[in-house]
Amino acid sequence: MCYKKNIVFSAVQPSGQLTLANYIGTMRYWESMQQKNQCIYCIADLHSITGFKHSSFSIIENVLNTIALYLAVGVDPNQSIIFVQSHVYEHCQFYWLLNCHTYYGELLRMTQFKQKYQSSCNNQINTGLLNYPILMASDILLYQSNIVLIGNDQKQHLELAQKIAKRINFFYSTDVVTSPKPYIPEYGSKIMSLSNPIIKMSKSDSNKDSTIFLFDSYKDIIRKVNKAITDSENPPRIYYDIEKKPGISNLLEIFSSINDISINSLINYFYGKTYQDFKHCVSESIFQKLCVLQKKYWKWRQDEKFLIKIAQIGAKKAQHIANTTLTKMYKILTLCK
């Protein structure tokens, strides 16, 4: 019997260094996902310009860096589609159609937008941030995605994409788009700041010791983990409790995710150990994982022509799928015959 493969979609912004949270939350699943699914991995460069500061970085350089990183984490361009968002014009065209099926109030309720709006200087914030979730919905729905790999912080945006899909299908009495389901792992979907474990780890954190970047050195990793906030419980106990022990719980999630070991097994292993012993093991496991990833990355990054070719081939494959969905939508809206 022939089973239809699920279409899995995931994307990362090429807006600077990616973090350990990016890897643990989504990227570590990419290689295994492509074995039984049709995987589409997008480099979301259009999303990255919502917070773009002129001359602060080169988008095209970061795009090539991100393609090399996709290969380093195990994405096979012969099995999966790797493409750059801006290379497939259908994204912006479909975005406008979805824009006309989304309510203003729905966008204002987005938690991320509200947080950025409130923290912005004199409320100077571009409309790209307001409409960001609609472009994300366009990215997902264009490819009839069944499953979307996202971090916990993107859950609300995906729920809006589901709502838009169902609204369009209901309004036009057709199944022109697929309502996607999220893939959010039980552990690791929201890695927290090392210095303030009640907020998520972020590449934009002003305290760089709060965040482990994928290209941190061994020395940096050791320093950051050693400085990570724990607690003053005496004698020290290592167990998982987000409310009572957010720092230790965060380190347990990191260790568990990187090594594919259950948290209960780690709690038993570190019973009676000191926080210093625990942090040492966490540091070593992070370094071992990132060392392998970094070596693979630099191998791929040297061949720039190959990276450009992957983007070109991926864009053609992605465009073929995207154009099919866009054409169906145009016909439903009577924009074409």
Foldseek 3Di string as FASTA:
>chain_A
DDDAFAEEEEEDELQDFDFLLVCLQFLLCQQVNLPGHAYEYEHEPVLNCQVDDPPPDDRVLSLLLVLLLSVLSHDDLVRYFYAYPVLQVLLVVVLVVLVVQDDLVLLVPQPVLVVCQVPDDVSPGDCCSSSVLSSVLSSQFLQLGAEYRAAPSCVSSLVVSLVSQVSVCVVLVHNLTHNYDYDGDPFSSFQDFQADLVHGADPPDPPPLRTGTLPDDLVSLLVSLVNGDWDDDVVDAQAADCVPTSNSNSLLSQLCSLVVHDSVVVNVVCGPPHSVVSSVSSSVSSNVSSVSSVVSSVVSSVCSVVSVVSNVVSSVVSNVSSVVSVVVVCVSVVVDD
